[in-house]
C-alpha atoms as a PDB file:
ATOM      1  CA  MET A   1      34.821  32.920 -23.992  1.00  0.00           C
ATOM      2  CA  SER A   2      35.419  30.067 -21.577  1.00  0.00           C
ATOM      3  CA  ALA A   3      32.600  28.089 -20.086  1.00  0.00           C
ATOM      4  CA  ILE A   4      32.074  28.109 -16.352  1.00  0.00           C
ATOM      5  CA  VAL A   5      32.154  24.617 -14.947  1.00  0.00           C
ATOM      6  CA  PRO A   6      29.010  23.541 -13.116  1.00  0.00           C
ATOM      7  CA  THR A   7      29.438  23.917  -9.370  1.00  0.00           C
ATOM      8  CA  SER A   8      28.278  20.438  -8.458  1.00  0.00           C
ATOM      9  CA  PRO A   9      27.459  17.224 -10.281  1.00  0.00           C
ATOM     10  CA  PRO A  10      23.871  16.696 -11.355  1.00  0.00           C
ATOM     11  CA  ARG A  11      21.845  15.169  -8.590  1.00  0.00           C
ATOM     12  CA  PRO A  12      20.760  11.590  -9.053  1.00  0.00           C
ATOM     13  CA  SER A  13      17.134  11.459 -10.032  1.00  0.00           C
ATOM     14  CA  SER A  14      14.562   8.768  -9.921  1.00  0.00           C
ATOM     15  CA  SER A  15      13.304   7.571 -13.269  1.00  0.00           C
ATOM     16  CA  ALA A  16       9.989   9.228 -12.412  1.00  0.00           C
ATOM     17  CA  SER A  17      11.660  12.657 -12.382  1.00  0.00           C
ATOM     18  CA  ARG A  18      13.214  12.269 -15.860  1.00  0.00           C
ATOM     19  CA  ARG A  19      11.421  11.633 -19.119  1.00  0.00           C
ATOM     20  CA  ALA A  20      12.879   9.794 -22.094  1.00  0.00           C
ATOM     21  CA  GLY A  21      12.826  11.940 -25.208  1.00  0.00           C
ATOM     22  CA  CYS A  22      12.788  15.226 -23.294  1.00  0.00           C
ATOM     23  CA  PRO A  23      15.742  17.317 -24.505  1.00  0.00           C
ATOM     24  CA  LEU A  24      15.991  19.091 -21.144  1.00  0.00           C
ATOM     25  CA  CYS A  25      16.068  15.772 -19.237  1.00  0.00           C
ATOM     26  CA  GLU A  26      18.600  14.149 -21.567  1.00  0.00           C
ATOM     27  CA  ALA A  27      20.983  17.043 -22.328  1.00  0.00           C
ATOM     28  CA  ALA A  28      22.195  20.293 -20.828  1.00  0.00           C
ATOM     29  CA  GLY A  29      20.164  22.422 -23.241  1.00  0.00           C
ATOM     30  CA  GLY A  30      22.929  25.002 -23.565  1.00  0.00           C
ATOM     31  CA  ARG A  31      26.288  25.916 -22.081  1.00  0.00           C
ATOM     32  CA  PRO A  32      26.159  25.052 -18.357  1.00  0.00           C
ATOM     33  CA  VAL A  33      26.773  27.968 -16.018  1.00  0.00           C
ATOM     34  CA  PHE A  34      25.510  26.556 -12.695  1.00  0.00           C
ATOM     35  CA  GLU A  35      24.076  23.261 -11.514  1.00  0.00           C
ATOM     36  CA  GLY A  36      22.473  22.845  -8.144  1.00  0.00           C
ATOM     37  CA  PRO A  37      20.321  20.140  -6.629  1.00  0.00           C
ATOM     38  CA  ASP A  38      17.020  21.554  -7.944  1.00  0.00           C
ATOM     39  CA  PHE A  39      17.860  23.456 -11.109  1.00  0.00           C
ATOM     40  CA  ARG A  40      20.560  24.442 -13.531  1.00  0.00           C
ATOM     41  CA  VAL A  41      21.294  27.699 -15.281  1.00  0.00           C
ATOM     42  CA  ILE A  42      22.460  27.554 -18.860  1.00  0.00           C
ATOM     43  CA  HIS A  43      23.543  30.132 -21.372  1.00  0.00           C
ATOM     44  CA  ALA A  44      21.341  29.597 -24.409  1.00  0.00           C
ATOM     45  CA  ASP A  45      22.844  29.944 -27.863  1.00  0.00           C
ATOM     46  CA  GLU A  46      20.201  32.209 -29.360  1.00  0.00           C
ATOM     47  CA  ALA A  47      21.466  34.202 -32.340  1.00  0.00           C
ATOM     48  CA  GLY A  48      21.225  37.926 -31.782  1.00  0.00           C
ATOM     49  CA  PHE A  49      20.722  37.649 -28.035  1.00  0.00           C
ATOM     50  CA  PRO A  50      24.067  37.164 -26.275  1.00  0.00           C
ATOM     51  CA  ALA A  51      22.598  37.504 -22.765  1.00  0.00           C
ATOM     52  CA  PHE A  52      19.929  34.786 -23.021  1.00  0.00           C
ATOM     53  CA  TYR A  53      19.799  32.373 -20.092  1.00  0.00           C
ATOM     54  CA  ARG A  54      17.502  29.582 -18.993  1.00  0.00           C
ATOM     55  CA  VAL A  55      16.753  28.324 -15.504  1.00  0.00           C
ATOM     56  CA  VAL A  56      15.864  24.658 -15.992  1.00  0.00           C
ATOM     57  CA  TRP A  57      14.164  22.751 -13.177  1.00  0.00           C
ATOM     58  CA  SER A  58      15.895  19.404 -12.638  1.00  0.00           C
ATOM     59  CA  ASP A  59      12.850  17.184 -12.261  1.00  0.00           C
ATOM     60  CA  HIS A  60      10.589  16.741 -15.245  1.00  0.00           C
ATOM     61  CA  VAL A  61       7.494  18.754 -14.468  1.00  0.00           C
ATOM     62  CA  ALA A  62       5.532  20.546 -17.134  1.00  0.00           C
ATOM     63  CA  GLU A  63       4.006  23.405 -15.176  1.00  0.00           C
ATOM     64  CA  PHE A  64       5.101  25.757 -12.416  1.00  0.00           C
ATOM     65  CA  SER A  65       2.054  24.701 -10.373  1.00  0.00           C
ATOM     66  CA  ASP A  66       3.367  21.097 -10.420  1.00  0.00           C
ATOM     67  CA  LEU A  67       5.967  22.208  -7.879  1.00  0.00           C
ATOM     68  CA  ASP A  68       5.241  22.284  -4.159  1.00  0.00           C
ATOM     69  CA  ALA A  69       5.229  25.695  -2.461  1.00  0.00           C
ATOM     70  CA  GLU A  70       8.838  25.484  -1.254  1.00  0.00           C
ATOM     71  CA  SER A  71      10.089  24.451  -4.702  1.00  0.00           C
ATOM     72  CA  ARG A  72       8.168  27.306  -6.355  1.00  0.00           C
ATOM     73  CA  ILE A  73       9.938  29.745  -4.034  1.00  0.00           C
ATOM     74  CA  ARG A  74      13.373  28.247  -4.813  1.00  0.00           C
ATOM     75  CA  CYS A  75      12.649  28.320  -8.535  1.00  0.00           C
ATOM     76  CA  MET A  76      11.562  31.957  -8.590  1.00  0.00           C
ATOM     77  CA  GLU A  77      14.468  32.990  -6.351  1.00  0.00           C
ATOM     78  CA  ALA A  78      16.802  31.461  -8.931  1.00  0.00           C
ATOM     79  CA  VAL A  79      15.043  33.328 -11.759  1.00  0.00           C
ATOM     80  CA  ALA A  80      15.225  36.562  -9.750  1.00  0.00           C
ATOM     81  CA  THR A  81      18.942  36.014  -9.088  1.00  0.00           C
ATOM     82  CA  VAL A  82      19.669  35.598 -12.797  1.00  0.00           C
ATOM     83  CA  GLU A  83      17.617  38.707 -13.576  1.00  0.00           C
ATOM     84  CA  ARG A  84      19.329  40.769 -10.865  1.00  0.00           C
ATOM     85  CA  VAL A  85      22.839  39.818 -12.013  1.00  0.00           C
ATOM     86  CA  LEU A  86      21.987  40.579 -15.659  1.00  0.00           C
ATOM     87  CA  ARG A  87      20.713  43.996 -14.615  1.00  0.00           C
ATOM     88  CA  GLU A  88      23.769  44.731 -12.455  1.00  0.00           C
ATOM     89  CA  HIS A  89      26.310  43.756 -15.119  1.00  0.00           C
ATOM     90  CA  LEU A  90      24.616  44.816 -18.350  1.00  0.00           C
ATOM     91  CA  ALA A  91      22.126  47.588 -17.506  1.00  0.00           C
ATOM     92  CA  PRO A  92      19.693  46.393 -20.199  1.00  0.00           C
ATOM     93  CA  ALA A  93      16.613  48.348 -21.227  1.00  0.00           C
ATOM     94  CA  LYS A  94      14.450  45.445 -20.035  1.00  0.00           C
ATOM     95  CA  ILE A  95      14.616  41.852 -18.832  1.00  0.00           C
ATOM     96  CA  ASN A  96      12.207  39.440 -20.493  1.00  0.00           C
ATOM     97  CA  LEU A  97      10.991  36.469 -18.464  1.00  0.00           C
ATOM     98  CA  ALA A  98       9.072  33.643 -20.070  1.00  0.00           C
ATOM     99  CA  ALA A  99       8.030  30.133 -19.146  1.00  0.00           C
ATOM    100  CA  LEU A 100       6.438  28.925 -22.354  1.00  0.00           C
ATOM    101  CA  GLY A 101       7.311  25.248 -22.679  1.00  0.00           C
ATOM    102  CA  ASN A 102       5.037  24.615 -25.643  1.00  0.00           C
ATOM    103  CA  MET A 103       7.710  22.771 -27.625  1.00  0.00           C
ATOM    104  CA  VAL A 104       9.482  21.270 -24.587  1.00  0.00           C
ATOM    105  CA  PRO A 105       7.003  20.546 -21.781  1.00  0.00           C
ATOM    106  CA  HIS A 106       9.702  20.671 -19.076  1.00  0.00           C
ATOM    107  CA  LEU A 107       9.628  23.611 -16.666  1.00  0.00           C
ATOM    108  CA  HIS A 108      12.225  26.182 -17.643  1.00  0.00           C
ATOM    109  CA  TRP A 109      12.351  29.958 -17.485  1.00  0.00           C
ATOM    110  CA  HIS A 110      13.868  32.166 -20.167  1.00  0.00           C
ATOM    111  CA  VAL A 111      15.698  35.158 -18.678  1.00  0.00           C
ATOM    112  CA  ILE A 112      16.761  37.507 -21.460  1.00  0.00           C
ATOM    113  CA  ALA A 113      18.525  40.851 -21.245  1.00  0.00           C
ATOM    114  CA  ARG A 114      17.051  43.153 -23.888  1.00  0.00           C
ATOM    115  CA  PHE A 115      18.583  46.271 -25.340  1.00  0.00           C
ATOM    116  CA  GLU A 116      16.901  49.045 -27.307  1.00  0.00           C
ATOM    117  CA  ASP A 117      19.267  48.412 -30.206  1.00  0.00           C
ATOM    118  CA  ASP A 118      18.768  44.639 -30.440  1.00  0.00           C
ATOM    119  CA  SER A 119      17.351  43.420 -33.722  1.00  0.00           C
ATOM    120  CA  HIS A 120      13.864  42.761 -32.343  1.00  0.00           C
ATOM    121  CA  PHE A 121      13.339  45.377 -29.626  1.00  0.00           C
ATOM    122  CA  PRO A 122      10.711  46.190 -28.439  1.00  0.00           C
ATOM    123  CA  ALA A 123       9.089  43.091 -29.958  1.00  0.00           C
ATOM    124  CA  PRO A 124       9.610  39.637 -28.389  1.00  0.00           C
ATOM    125  CA  VAL A 125      12.783  37.737 -29.247  1.00  0.00           C
ATOM    126  CA  TRP A 126      10.666  35.200 -31.136  1.00  0.00           C
ATOM    127  CA  ALA A 127       9.036  37.849 -33.353  1.00  0.00           C
ATOM    128  CA  GLU A 128      10.298  38.961 -36.721  1.00  0.00           C
ATOM    129  CA  ALA A 129      13.402  41.165 -36.629  1.00  0.00           C
ATOM    130  CA  ARG A 130      12.770  44.904 -36.905  1.00  0.00           C
ATOM    131  CA  ARG A 131      16.341  45.870 -37.868  1.00  0.00           C
ATOM    132  CA  PRO A 132      19.644  44.185 -38.767  1.00  0.00           C
ATOM    133  CA  ARG A 133      21.732  42.666 -35.999  1.00  0.00           C
ATOM    134  CA  ASP A 134      24.596  44.744 -34.640  1.00  0.00           C
ATOM    135  CA  ALA A 135      27.522  42.292 -34.411  1.00  0.00           C
ATOM    136  CA  ALA A 136      29.762  44.786 -32.598  1.00  0.00           C
ATOM    137  CA  ARG A 137      27.108  45.427 -29.933  1.00  0.00           C
ATOM    138  CA  GLU A 138      26.461  41.701 -29.508  1.00  0.00           C
ATOM    139  CA  ALA A 139      30.217  41.076 -29.137  1.00  0.00           C
ATOM    140  CA  ALA A 140      30.485  43.854 -26.545  1.00  0.00           C
ATOM    141  CA  VAL A 141      27.717  42.253 -24.483  1.00  0.00           C
ATOM    142  CA  ALA A 142      29.244  38.783 -24.912  1.00  0.00           C
ATOM    143  CA  ALA A 143      32.584  40.097 -23.631  1.00  0.00           C
ATOM    144  CA  LEU A 144      30.904  40.973 -20.322  1.00  0.00           C
ATOM    145  CA  LEU A 145      29.455  37.502 -19.773  1.00  0.00           C
ATOM    146  CA  PRO A 146      32.438  35.780 -18.097  1.00  0.00           C
ATOM    147  CA  ALA A 147      32.459  38.293 -15.211  1.00  0.00           C
ATOM    148  CA  LEU A 148      28.663  38.251 -15.085  1.00  0.00           C
ATOM    149  CA  GLU A 149      28.627  34.458 -14.862  1.00  0.00           C
ATOM    150  CA  ARG A 150      31.248  34.411 -12.089  1.00  0.00           C
ATOM    151  CA  THR A 151      29.018  36.736 -10.079  1.00  0.00           C
ATOM    152  CA  LEU A 152      25.969  34.664 -10.921  1.00  0.00           C
ATOM    153  CA  VAL A 153      27.614  31.450  -9.720  1.00  0.00           C
ATOM    154  CA  GLU A 154      28.722  33.135  -6.484  1.00  0.00           C
ATOM    155  CA  HIS A 155      25.171  34.363  -5.775  1.00  0.00           C
ATOM    156  CA  LEU A 156      23.580  31.023  -6.634  1.00  0.00           C
ATOM    157  CA  ARG A 157      26.084  29.104  -4.478  1.00  0.00           C
ATOM    158  CA  LEU A 158      25.281  31.340  -1.509  1.00  0.00           C
ATOM    159  CA  THR A 159      21.520  31.205  -1.885  1.00  0.00           C
ATOM    160  CA  HIS A 160      21.009  27.723  -3.310  1.00  0.00           C
ATOM    161  CA  HIS A 161      23.867  25.745  -1.756  1.00  0.00           C
ATOM    162  CA  GLY A 162      25.073  24.441  -5.103  1.00  0.00           C
END
């Protein structure tokens, strides 16, 4: 599966908006799918969950409430766009959204397509597995990701000017 090249270079940030030692400030955090001025979308390499994405806010803020009202709207529109495209392309049983940040205090949203036959369903992806992984099912989902990501980039470019 080929990676989709980010749509624009990362925006320059002041040193105040980046934090040394933060893995999401210093590295992509996954395979880049889209990069805009305020956030990036990455495909996370999470075993057993081929349709696991993160929306990572560019500036280092720990909490959603650290953003001003306009930024909160842009952030949640991006999360909603990722969710909508996952639903359109994969028809999952459920989409999980999470903004935990306990281990990495940098605002990022997990957007995860869940399927009734995934190894953990209906439990959270971080819980103990309930059944063995289905490699064929995971590969079938992964095969749909290039088209999904092309659509995702198109939608994000239109709505977020990336």
